[in-house]
C-alpha atoms as a PDB file:
ATOM      1  CA  MET A   1       0.000   0.000   0.000  1.00  0.00           C
ATOM      2  CA  ILE A   2       1.287   3.419  -0.942  1.00  0.00           C
ATOM      3  CA  VAL A   3       0.955   5.906   1.831  1.00  0.00           C
ATOM      4  CA  GLY A   4       0.247   9.387   0.507  1.00  0.00           C
ATOM      5  CA  THR A   5       2.044  12.461   1.797  1.00  0.00           C
ATOM      6  CA  PRO A   6      -0.115  14.239   4.371  1.00  0.00           C
ATOM      7  CA  ARG A   7      -1.588  17.499   3.069  1.00  0.00           C
ATOM      8  CA  LEU A   8      -0.019  20.501   4.810  1.00  0.00           C
ATOM      9  CA  ARG A   9      -2.532  22.951   6.261  1.00  0.00           C
ATOM     10  CA  CYS A  10      -1.636  26.625   6.377  1.00  0.00           C
ATOM     11  CA  PRO A  11      -2.213  27.844   9.929  1.00  0.00           C
ATOM     12  CA  ASP A  12      -5.016  30.330  10.323  1.00  0.00           C
ATOM     13  CA  ARG A  13      -4.529  33.590  12.203  1.00  0.00           C
ATOM     14  CA  ALA A  14      -5.551  32.069  15.542  1.00  0.00           C
ATOM     15  CA  ASP A  15      -2.961  29.360  15.087  1.00  0.00           C
ATOM     16  CA  ARG A  16      -0.220  31.881  14.319  1.00  0.00           C
ATOM     17  CA  ASP A  17      -1.138  34.133  17.239  1.00  0.00           C
ATOM     18  CA  SER A  18      -1.024  31.242  19.662  1.00  0.00           C
ATOM     19  CA  GLN A  19       2.433  30.087  18.617  1.00  0.00           C
ATOM     20  CA  PRO A  20       5.505  31.198  20.575  1.00  0.00           C
ATOM     21  CA  ILE A  21       7.545  33.807  18.694  1.00  0.00           C
ATOM     22  CA  ALA A  22      10.471  31.402  18.314  1.00  0.00           C
ATOM     23  CA  ASP A  23       8.167  28.919  16.548  1.00  0.00           C
ATOM     24  CA  ASN A  24       6.408  31.496  14.388  1.00  0.00           C
ATOM     25  CA  PRO A  25       8.567  32.569  11.435  1.00  0.00           C
ATOM     26  CA  SER A  26       6.154  35.364  10.526  1.00  0.00           C
ATOM     27  CA  MET A  27       7.004  37.107  13.818  1.00  0.00           C
ATOM     28  CA  ILE A  28      10.818  36.835  13.610  1.00  0.00           C
ATOM     29  CA  SER A  29      12.447  40.048  12.364  1.00  0.00           C
ATOM     30  CA  MET A  30      15.053  39.246   9.745  1.00  0.00           C
ATOM     31  CA  PRO A  31      18.379  41.112   9.870  1.00  0.00           C
ATOM     32  CA  SER A  32      18.664  43.982   7.433  1.00  0.00           C
ATOM     33  CA  PRO A  33      20.797  43.243   4.370  1.00  0.00           C
ATOM     34  CA  PRO A  34      24.186  44.987   4.205  1.00  0.00           C
ATOM     35  CA  GLU A  35      23.864  48.568   2.936  1.00  0.00           C
ATOM     36  CA  MET A  36      26.689  50.385   1.152  1.00  0.00           C
ATOM     37  CA  ARG A  37      26.488  53.844   2.724  1.00  0.00           C
ATOM     38  CA  ARG A  38      26.382  52.495   6.271  1.00  0.00           C
ATOM     39  CA  LEU A  39      29.283  50.154   5.538  1.00  0.00           C
ATOM     40  CA  ALA A  40      31.260  53.103   4.156  1.00  0.00           C
ATOM     41  CA  LEU A  41      30.599  55.031   7.353  1.00  0.00           C
ATOM     42  CA  GLN A  42      31.735  52.053   9.408  1.00  0.00           C
ATOM     43  CA  ALA A  43      34.966  51.908   7.377  1.00  0.00           C
ATOM     44  CA  LEU A  44      35.468  55.652   7.774  1.00  0.00           C
ATOM     45  CA  MET A  45      35.101  55.369  11.554  1.00  0.00           C
ATOM     46  CA  THR A  46      37.708  52.598  11.787  1.00  0.00           C
ATOM     47  CA  PRO A  47      41.007  53.831  13.283  1.00  0.00           C
ATOM     48  CA  ASP A  48      42.955  50.652  12.538  1.00  0.00           C
ATOM     49  CA  LEU A  49      45.022  51.003   9.371  1.00  0.00           C
ATOM     50  CA  GLU A  50      44.811  47.405   8.195  1.00  0.00           C
ATOM     51  CA  GLN A  51      41.085  47.172   8.889  1.00  0.00           C
ATOM     52  CA  LYS A  52      40.352  50.419   7.058  1.00  0.00           C
ATOM     53  CA  VAL A  53      42.210  49.150   3.987  1.00  0.00           C
ATOM     54  CA  LEU A  54      40.367  45.818   4.091  1.00  0.00           C
ATOM     55  CA  PHE A  55      36.987  47.505   4.621  1.00  0.00           C
ATOM     56  CA  ALA A  56      37.548  49.848   1.677  1.00  0.00           C
ATOM     57  CA  GLN A  57      38.576  47.006  -0.608  1.00  0.00           C
ATOM     58  CA  SER A  58      35.669  44.835   0.533  1.00  0.00           C
ATOM     59  CA  LEU A  59      33.177  47.652  -0.050  1.00  0.00           C
ATOM     60  CA  HIS A  60      34.229  47.890  -3.692  1.00  0.00           C
ATOM     61  CA  ALA A  61      34.349  44.114  -4.140  1.00  0.00           C
ATOM     62  CA  GLN A  62      30.719  43.860  -2.989  1.00  0.00           C
ATOM     63  CA  ALA A  63      29.504  47.061  -4.653  1.00  0.00           C
ATOM     64  CA  ALA A  64      27.549  45.364  -7.419  1.00  0.00           C
ATOM     65  CA  THR A  65      25.378  43.426  -4.971  1.00  0.00           C
ATOM     66  CA  LEU A  66      25.053  45.760  -1.977  1.00  0.00           C
ATOM     67  CA  LEU A  67      21.825  47.559  -1.228  1.00  0.00           C
ATOM     68  CA  ILE A  68      22.217  51.344  -1.569  1.00  0.00           C
ATOM     69  CA  ALA A  69      19.828  53.457   0.507  1.00  0.00           C
ATOM     70  CA  THR A  70      20.151  56.502  -1.722  1.00  0.00           C
ATOM     71  CA  GLU A  71      17.433  58.520   0.014  1.00  0.00           C
ATOM     72  CA  ASP A  72      18.353  57.875   3.656  1.00  0.00           C
ATOM     73  CA  SER A  73      19.637  60.872   5.597  1.00  0.00           C
ATOM     74  CA  LEU A  74      22.419  59.571   7.827  1.00  0.00           C
ATOM     75  CA  GLN A  75      23.715  61.488  10.828  1.00  0.00           C
ATOM     76  CA  ALA A  76      27.427  62.084  11.283  1.00  0.00           C
ATOM     77  CA  PRO A  77      28.686  60.411  14.472  1.00  0.00           C
ATOM     78  CA  GLU A  78      31.291  61.938  16.737  1.00  0.00           C
ATOM     79  CA  GLY A  79      34.915  61.227  15.993  1.00  0.00           C
ATOM     80  CA  LEU A  80      35.064  61.393  12.198  1.00  0.00           C
ATOM     81  CA  PRO A  81      37.286  60.248  10.665  1.00  0.00           C
ATOM     82  CA  GLY A  82      38.728  57.244  12.433  1.00  0.00           C
ATOM     83  CA  CYS A  83      42.501  57.737  12.567  1.00  0.00           C
ATOM     84  CA  PRO A  84      45.363  55.922  14.281  1.00  0.00           C
ATOM     85  CA  VAL A  85      47.109  57.500  17.250  1.00  0.00           C
ATOM     86  CA  ARG A  86      50.050  58.396  15.019  1.00  0.00           C
ATOM     87  CA  PRO A  87      51.022  60.434  13.067  1.00  0.00           C
ATOM     88  CA  GLU A  88      50.763  63.634  15.048  1.00  0.00           C
ATOM     89  CA  LEU A  89      48.409  65.909  13.092  1.00  0.00           C
ATOM     90  CA  CYS A  90      49.114  69.624  12.729  1.00  0.00           C
ATOM     91  CA  THR A  91      47.197  72.420  11.035  1.00  0.00           C
ATOM     92  CA  PHE A  92      50.481  73.817   9.798  1.00  0.00           C
ATOM     93  CA  LEU A  93      53.615  71.744   9.718  1.00  0.00           C
ATOM     94  CA  ASP A  94      56.662  73.293  11.357  1.00  0.00           C
ATOM     95  CA  SER A  95      59.160  70.525  10.824  1.00  0.00           C
ATOM     96  CA  PRO A  96      62.779  70.837   9.735  1.00  0.00           C
ATOM     97  CA  ARG A  97      63.423  70.628   6.003  1.00  0.00           C
ATOM     98  CA  ARG A  98      65.148  67.385   5.123  1.00  0.00           C
ATOM     99  CA  SER A  99      67.012  66.745   1.925  1.00  0.00           C
ATOM    100  CA  PRO A 100      65.415  63.863  -0.025  1.00  0.00           C
ATOM    101  CA  PHE A 101      68.965  62.882  -0.998  1.00  0.00           C
ATOM    102  CA  THR A 102      69.337  61.463   2.542  1.00  0.00           C
ATOM    103  CA  LEU A 103      67.535  58.277   3.540  1.00  0.00           C
ATOM    104  CA  GLU A 104      65.590  60.045   6.289  1.00  0.00           C
ATOM    105  CA  GLY A 105      64.671  62.897   3.962  1.00  0.00           C
ATOM    106  CA  LEU A 106      63.430  60.467   1.322  1.00  0.00           C
ATOM    107  CA  ALA A 107      61.381  58.652   3.962  1.00  0.00           C
ATOM    108  CA  ALA A 108      59.871  61.969   5.085  1.00  0.00           C
ATOM    109  CA  LEU A 109      58.909  62.807   1.495  1.00  0.00           C
ATOM    110  CA  LEU A 110      57.291  59.416   0.959  1.00  0.00           C
ATOM    111  CA  HIS A 111      55.554  59.665   4.334  1.00  0.00           C
ATOM    112  CA  ALA A 112      53.929  62.911   3.210  1.00  0.00           C
ATOM    113  CA  VAL A 113      52.577  61.176   0.096  1.00  0.00           C
ATOM    114  CA  THR A 114      51.475  58.177   2.156  1.00  0.00           C
ATOM    115  CA  HIS A 115      49.525  60.519   4.423  1.00  0.00           C
ATOM    116  CA  ILE A 116      47.796  62.049   1.408  1.00  0.00           C
ATOM    117  CA  GLU A 117      46.734  58.589   0.245  1.00  0.00           C
ATOM    118  CA  PHE A 118      45.466  57.651   3.716  1.00  0.00           C
ATOM    119  CA  ASN A 119      43.364  60.804   3.733  1.00  0.00           C
ATOM    120  CA  ALA A 120      42.171  59.997   0.222  1.00  0.00           C
ATOM    121  CA  ILE A 121      40.669  56.721   1.513  1.00  0.00           C
ATOM    122  CA  ASN A 122      38.694  58.722   4.063  1.00  0.00           C
ATOM    123  CA  LEU A 123      37.660  61.346   1.497  1.00  0.00           C
ATOM    124  CA  ALA A 124      36.228  58.692  -0.819  1.00  0.00           C
ATOM    125  CA  LEU A 125      34.432  56.851   1.988  1.00  0.00           C
ATOM    126  CA  ASP A 126      32.949  60.135   3.178  1.00  0.00           C
ATOM    127  CA  ALA A 127      31.655  60.843  -0.327  1.00  0.00           C
ATOM    128  CA  VAL A 128      29.862  57.475  -0.257  1.00  0.00           C
ATOM    129  CA  TRP A 129      28.052  57.769   3.076  1.00  0.00           C
ATOM    130  CA  ARG A 130      27.418  61.477   3.500  1.00  0.00           C
ATOM    131  CA  PHE A 131      25.315  62.582   0.543  1.00  0.00           C
ATOM    132  CA  SER A 132      21.837  61.261  -0.134  1.00  0.00           C
ATOM    133  CA  GLY A 133      19.787  61.581  -3.294  1.00  0.00           C
ATOM    134  CA  MET A 134      22.472  60.651  -5.812  1.00  0.00           C
ATOM    135  CA  PRO A 135      22.161  57.897  -8.458  1.00  0.00           C
ATOM    136  CA  PRO A 136      23.465  54.442  -7.430  1.00  0.00           C
ATOM    137  CA  ALA A 137      26.378  54.786  -9.866  1.00  0.00           C
ATOM    138  CA  TYR A 138      27.700  57.720  -7.827  1.00  0.00           C
ATOM    139  CA  TYR A 139      28.103  55.558  -4.711  1.00  0.00           C
ATOM    140  CA  ARG A 140      29.712  52.715  -6.655  1.00  0.00           C
ATOM    141  CA  ASP A 141      32.151  55.136  -8.285  1.00  0.00           C
ATOM    142  CA  TRP A 142      33.373  56.455  -4.950  1.00  0.00           C
ATOM    143  CA  ALA A 143      33.554  52.957  -3.461  1.00  0.00           C
ATOM    144  CA  ARG A 144      35.931  52.126  -6.310  1.00  0.00           C
ATOM    145  CA  VAL A 145      37.988  55.225  -5.573  1.00  0.00           C
ATOM    146  CA  ALA A 146      38.229  54.242  -1.887  1.00  0.00           C
ATOM    147  CA  ALA A 147      39.555  50.791  -2.816  1.00  0.00           C
ATOM    148  CA  GLU A 148      42.163  52.209  -5.190  1.00  0.00           C
ATOM    149  CA  GLU A 149      43.293  54.769  -2.618  1.00  0.00           C
ATOM    150  CA  ALA A 150      43.650  51.906  -0.144  1.00  0.00           C
ATOM    151  CA  GLN A 151      45.938  50.136  -2.612  1.00  0.00           C
ATOM    152  CA  HIS A 152      48.021  53.303  -3.063  1.00  0.00           C
ATOM    153  CA  PHE A 153      48.372  53.700   0.691  1.00  0.00           C
ATOM    154  CA  SER A 154      49.406  50.059   1.088  1.00  0.00           C
ATOM    155  CA  LEU A 155      52.068  50.293  -1.647  1.00  0.00           C
ATOM    156  CA  LEU A 156      53.594  53.434  -0.148  1.00  0.00           C
ATOM    157  CA  ARG A 157      53.450  52.117   3.391  1.00  0.00           C
ATOM    158  CA  ALA A 158      55.205  48.916   2.315  1.00  0.00           C
ATOM    159  CA  GLN A 159      57.946  51.007   0.723  1.00  0.00           C
ATOM    160  CA  LEU A 160      58.347  53.043   3.908  1.00  0.00           C
ATOM    161  CA  GLN A 161      58.590  49.834   5.922  1.00  0.00           C
ATOM    162  CA  ALA A 162      61.208  48.456   3.525  1.00  0.00           C
ATOM    163  CA  MET A 163      63.269  51.579   4.271  1.00  0.00           C
ATOM    164  CA  GLY A 164      62.978  51.124   8.043  1.00  0.00           C
ATOM    165  CA  TRP A 165      60.138  53.550   8.755  1.00  0.00           C
ATOM    166  CA  ASP A 166      56.356  53.315   8.964  1.00  0.00           C
ATOM    167  CA  TYR A 167      53.322  55.504   8.557  1.00  0.00           C
ATOM    168  CA  GLY A 168      53.107  57.650  11.682  1.00  0.00           C
ATOM    169  CA  ASP A 169      56.841  58.197  12.154  1.00  0.00           C
ATOM    170  CA  PHE A 170      56.640  61.813  10.924  1.00  0.00           C
ATOM    171  CA  ALA A 171      54.146  64.582  11.707  1.00  0.00           C
ATOM    172  CA  ALA A 172      51.447  65.244   9.104  1.00  0.00           C
ATOM    173  CA  HIS A 173      48.950  67.952   8.163  1.00  0.00           C
ATOM    174  CA  THR A 174      45.148  68.127   8.350  1.00  0.00           C
ATOM    175  CA  GLY A 175      44.553  70.116   5.157  1.00  0.00           C
ATOM    176  CA  LEU A 176      42.709  67.509   3.115  1.00  0.00           C
ATOM    177  CA  TRP A 177      40.146  66.684   5.792  1.00  0.00           C
ATOM    178  CA  ASP A 178      39.649  70.391   6.472  1.00  0.00           C
ATOM    179  CA  MET A 179      38.129  70.744   2.983  1.00  0.00           C
ATOM    180  CA  VAL A 180      35.828  67.795   3.679  1.00  0.00           C
ATOM    181  CA  CYS A 181      34.457  69.682   6.669  1.00  0.00           C
ATOM    182  CA  LYS A 182      33.985  72.847   4.617  1.00  0.00           C
ATOM    183  CA  THR A 183      31.962  70.988   1.970  1.00  0.00           C
ATOM    184  CA  GLU A 184      30.008  68.573   4.177  1.00  0.00           C
ATOM    185  CA  SER A 185      26.621  70.176   3.455  1.00  0.00           C
ATOM    186  CA  ASP A 186      26.745  70.239  -0.360  1.00  0.00           C
ATOM    187  CA  VAL A 187      27.748  67.442  -2.712  1.00  0.00           C
ATOM    188  CA  LEU A 188      28.271  69.963  -5.540  1.00  0.00           C
ATOM    189  CA  ALA A 189      30.876  71.839  -3.494  1.00  0.00           C
ATOM    190  CA  ARG A 190      32.475  68.517  -2.528  1.00  0.00           C
ATOM    191  CA  MET A 191      32.850  67.412  -6.155  1.00  0.00           C
ATOM    192  CA  ALA A 192      34.181  70.834  -7.151  1.00  0.00           C
ATOM    193  CA  LEU A 193      36.759  71.240  -4.411  1.00  0.00           C
ATOM    194  CA  VAL A 194      37.989  67.764  -3.487  1.00  0.00           C
ATOM    195  CA  PRO A 195      38.457  65.715  -6.677  1.00  0.00           C
ATOM    196  CA  ARG A 196      38.565  68.686  -9.089  1.00  0.00           C
ATOM    197  CA  THR A 197      40.859  70.791  -6.888  1.00  0.00           C
ATOM    198  CA  LEU A 198      42.802  68.866  -4.234  1.00  0.00           C
ATOM    199  CA  GLU A 199      43.166  65.600  -6.133  1.00  0.00           C
ATOM    200  CA  ALA A 200      43.796  67.433  -9.393  1.00  0.00           C
ATOM    201  CA  ARG A 201      46.756  69.147  -7.707  1.00  0.00           C
ATOM    202  CA  GLY A 202      48.221  65.666  -7.376  1.00  0.00           C
ATOM    203  CA  LEU A 203      48.187  65.338 -11.164  1.00  0.00           C
ATOM    204  CA  ASP A 204      50.351  68.466 -11.337  1.00  0.00           C
ATOM    205  CA  ALA A 205      52.695  67.545  -8.477  1.00  0.00           C
ATOM    206  CA  THR A 206      53.490  63.946  -9.413  1.00  0.00           C
ATOM    207  CA  PRO A 207      55.731  64.397 -12.510  1.00  0.00           C
ATOM    208  CA  PRO A 208      58.062  66.935 -10.794  1.00  0.00           C
ATOM    209  CA  MET A 209      58.275  64.637  -7.784  1.00  0.00           C
ATOM    210  CA  GLN A 210      59.139  61.709 -10.025  1.00  0.00           C
ATOM    211  CA  ALA A 211      61.839  63.788 -11.711  1.00  0.00           C
ATOM    212  CA  LYS A 212      63.357  64.572  -8.304  1.00  0.00           C
ATOM    213  CA  LEU A 213      63.264  60.898  -7.319  1.00  0.00           C
ATOM    214  CA  ARG A 214      64.943  59.864 -10.580  1.00  0.00           C
ATOM    215  CA  LYS A 215      67.666  62.411  -9.851  1.00  0.00           C
ATOM    216  CA  ILE A 216      68.197  60.797  -6.444  1.00  0.00           C
ATOM    217  CA  GLY A 217      68.531  57.507  -8.298  1.00  0.00           C
ATOM    218  CA  SER A 218      68.643  55.123  -5.320  1.00  0.00           C
ATOM    219  CA  PRO A 219      66.729  51.825  -5.491  1.00  0.00           C
ATOM    220  CA  ASP A 220      64.233  53.148  -2.934  1.00  0.00           C
ATOM    221  CA  ALA A 221      63.698  56.332  -4.912  1.00  0.00           C
ATOM    222  CA  LEU A 222      63.235  54.457  -8.189  1.00  0.00           C
ATOM    223  CA  ARG A 223      60.764  52.071  -6.569  1.00  0.00           C
ATOM    224  CA  ALA A 224      58.824  55.135  -5.434  1.00  0.00           C
ATOM    225  CA  VAL A 225      58.773  56.374  -9.045  1.00  0.00           C
ATOM    226  CA  ASP A 226      57.098  53.118 -10.077  1.00  0.00           C
ATOM    227  CA  ILE A 227      54.509  53.437  -7.318  1.00  0.00           C
ATOM    228  CA  LEU A 228      53.761  57.013  -8.365  1.00  0.00           C
ATOM    229  CA  ASP A 229      53.189  55.790 -11.934  1.00  0.00           C
ATOM    230  CA  ILE A 230      50.406  53.564 -10.624  1.00  0.00           C
ATOM    231  CA  ILE A 231      48.984  56.364  -8.496  1.00  0.00           C
ATOM    232  CA  LEU A 232      49.025  58.939 -11.303  1.00  0.00           C
ATOM    233  CA  LYS A 233      47.173  56.629 -13.684  1.00  0.00           C
ATOM    234  CA  ASP A 234      44.471  55.923 -11.096  1.00  0.00           C
ATOM    235  CA  GLU A 235      44.208  59.551  -9.965  1.00  0.00           C
ATOM    236  CA  ILE A 236      43.373  60.649 -13.502  1.00  0.00           C
ATOM    237  CA  GLY A 237      40.370  58.321 -13.218  1.00  0.00           C
ATOM    238  CA  HIS A 238      39.437  59.718  -9.806  1.00  0.00           C
ATOM    239  CA  VAL A 239      39.496  63.300 -11.036  1.00  0.00           C
ATOM    240  CA  ALA A 240      37.452  62.190 -14.044  1.00  0.00           C
ATOM    241  CA  ILE A 241      34.817  60.781 -11.676  1.00  0.00           C
ATOM    242  CA  GLY A 242      34.746  64.109  -9.854  1.00  0.00           C
ATOM    243  CA  ASN A 243      34.381  65.984 -13.134  1.00  0.00           C
ATOM    244  CA  TYR A 244      31.536  63.732 -14.267  1.00  0.00           C
ATOM    245  CA  TRP A 245      29.487  64.150 -11.113  1.00  0.00           C
ATOM    246  CA  TYR A 246      30.267  67.868 -10.870  1.00  0.00           C
ATOM    247  CA  ARG A 247      28.851  68.417 -14.346  1.00  0.00           C
ATOM    248  CA  HIS A 248      25.917  66.109 -13.620  1.00  0.00           C
ATOM    249  CA  LEU A 249      25.017  68.235 -10.602  1.00  0.00           C
ATOM    250  CA  CYS A 250      25.536  71.536 -12.427  1.00  0.00           C
ATOM    251  CA  GLU A 251      23.203  70.371 -15.191  1.00  0.00           C
ATOM    252  CA  ALA A 252      20.602  69.155 -12.697  1.00  0.00           C
ATOM    253  CA  ARG A 253      20.674  72.531 -10.898  1.00  0.00           C
ATOM    254  CA  GLY A 254      20.818  74.645 -14.058  1.00  0.00           C
ATOM    255  CA  LEU A 255      24.278  76.029 -13.274  1.00  0.00           C
ATOM    256  CA  GLU A 256      27.116  77.002 -15.602  1.00  0.00           C
ATOM    257  CA  PRO A 257      30.130  74.875 -14.548  1.00  0.00           C
ATOM    258  CA  VAL A 258      33.023  77.343 -14.994  1.00  0.00           C
ATOM    259  CA  ALA A 259      31.377  80.274 -13.207  1.00  0.00           C
ATOM    260  CA  THR A 260      30.008  77.975 -10.502  1.00  0.00           C
ATOM    261  CA  TYR A 261      33.445  76.559  -9.797  1.00  0.00           C
ATOM    262  CA  ALA A 262      34.918  80.036  -9.368  1.00  0.00           C
ATOM    263  CA  ARG A 263      32.146  80.943  -6.939  1.00  0.00           C
ATOM    264  CA  LEU A 264      32.522  77.754  -4.885  1.00  0.00           C
ATOM    265  CA  ALA A 265      36.304  78.055  -4.734  1.00  0.00           C
ATOM    266  CA  LYS A 266      35.990  81.576  -3.346  1.00  0.00           C
ATOM    267  CA  GLU A 267      33.195  80.743  -0.892  1.00  0.00           C
ATOM    268  CA  HIS A 268      35.015  77.746   0.590  1.00  0.00           C
ATOM    269  CA  GLY A 269      38.553  79.113   0.579  1.00  0.00           C
ATOM    270  CA  ALA A 270      40.017  76.667  -1.924  1.00  0.00           C
ATOM    271  CA  PRO A 271      43.824  76.738  -2.077  1.00  0.00           C
ATOM    272  CA  ARG A 272      45.345  78.923  -4.752  1.00  0.00           C
ATOM    273  CA  LEU A 273      46.403  77.039  -7.863  1.00  0.00           C
ATOM    274  CA  ARG A 274      50.147  76.809  -8.416  1.00  0.00           C
ATOM    275  CA  GLY A 275      51.942  75.699 -11.551  1.00  0.00           C
ATOM    276  CA  PRO A 276      53.312  74.016 -13.440  1.00  0.00           C
ATOM    277  CA  LEU A 277      50.074  72.332 -14.482  1.00  0.00           C
ATOM    278  CA  ASN A 278      49.923  68.844 -15.947  1.00  0.00           C
ATOM    279  CA  LEU A 279      47.581  69.954 -18.723  1.00  0.00           C
ATOM    280  CA  GLN A 280      47.577  66.594 -20.493  1.00  0.00           C
ATOM    281  CA  ALA A 281      46.610  64.674 -17.359  1.00  0.00           C
ATOM    282  CA  ARG A 282      43.925  67.235 -16.571  1.00  0.00           C
ATOM    283  CA  ALA A 283      42.551  66.934 -20.111  1.00  0.00           C
ATOM    284  CA  ASP A 284      42.555  63.135 -19.775  1.00  0.00           C
ATOM    285  CA  ALA A 285      40.601  63.600 -16.521  1.00  0.00           C
ATOM    286  CA  GLY A 286      37.862  65.550 -18.293  1.00  0.00           C
ATOM    287  CA  PHE A 287      38.734  69.209 -17.857  1.00  0.00           C
ATOM    288  CA  THR A 288      37.464  71.146 -20.880  1.00  0.00           C
ATOM    289  CA  HIS A 289      39.614  73.373 -23.083  1.00  0.00           C
ATOM    290  CA  ALA A 290      37.911  76.439 -21.611  1.00  0.00           C
ATOM    291  CA  GLU A 291      38.642  75.266 -18.075  1.00  0.00           C
ATOM    292  CA  LEU A 292      42.274  74.498 -18.851  1.00  0.00           C
ATOM    293  CA  THR A 293      42.755  77.882 -20.489  1.00  0.00           C
ATOM    294  CA  LEU A 294      41.349  79.625 -17.434  1.00  0.00           C
ATOM    295  CA  LEU A 295      43.399  77.503 -15.025  1.00  0.00           C
ATOM    296  CA  ALA A 296      46.599  78.131 -16.958  1.00  0.00           C
ATOM    297  CA  SER A 297      45.995  81.879 -16.850  1.00  0.00           C
ATOM    298  CA  THR A 298      45.666  81.904 -13.055  1.00  0.00           C
ATOM    299  CA  ALA A 299      48.421  79.417 -12.069  1.00  0.00           C
END
């Protein structure tokens, strides 16, 4: 005799209400799925160097599948950004000038660049979590930037360690994060003055720095040249992302980009542009001919 499978009866409401919560799946709250902006904020708050790097890289690796709560207004917690105990941070550096032709002087130079890249991780993570109302592609773009900045930081830190130093062994400045604070209430100002201004200055500064390192000619200096090649290539892409979203926002708000940039730079105290400019890298990063002409006239 074949015994049939008993027919399952869906419990009625009385049945469900009488069941203990642990036995009633309809009453168990499921954990929220991971959400990109909150994960970026968690990474930003992390003071541990290795964890911050891993969090930034993981955020990008998962970006295609993470939920993005584009419309949520998140509140900034105390203690942003998460930073290690060292280096000592100063508004203005008053440290002795060291010749990069000495080992200590070269380490100090590379430490300054390493500090910029550490700050760049935080800048990108802040761009992900802070601003609501942007398209999903915006958040994925800046998650990618955070991961690439984490790689840059790791490469430079490894070079410092190979020379007998580490990140934190020299004092460092707060200038990059200061601009984050100035632009925290407006994503348009952030795109104008962080990627299009501060990061774009890196496009100008890298080739002269590489020339100086080649003149030094030591194995450590030449290894740094190779690392800066990687950084320069990626930074062109980062500035291009800033240019894209700056123009997207100008168009959405009915603003003329060149005049708007001049206004924002003045309102927020952007640093004065200094030459020589890397016009080719800036063009590759999406600056228009009109913008480059204006920049060249003021540098």
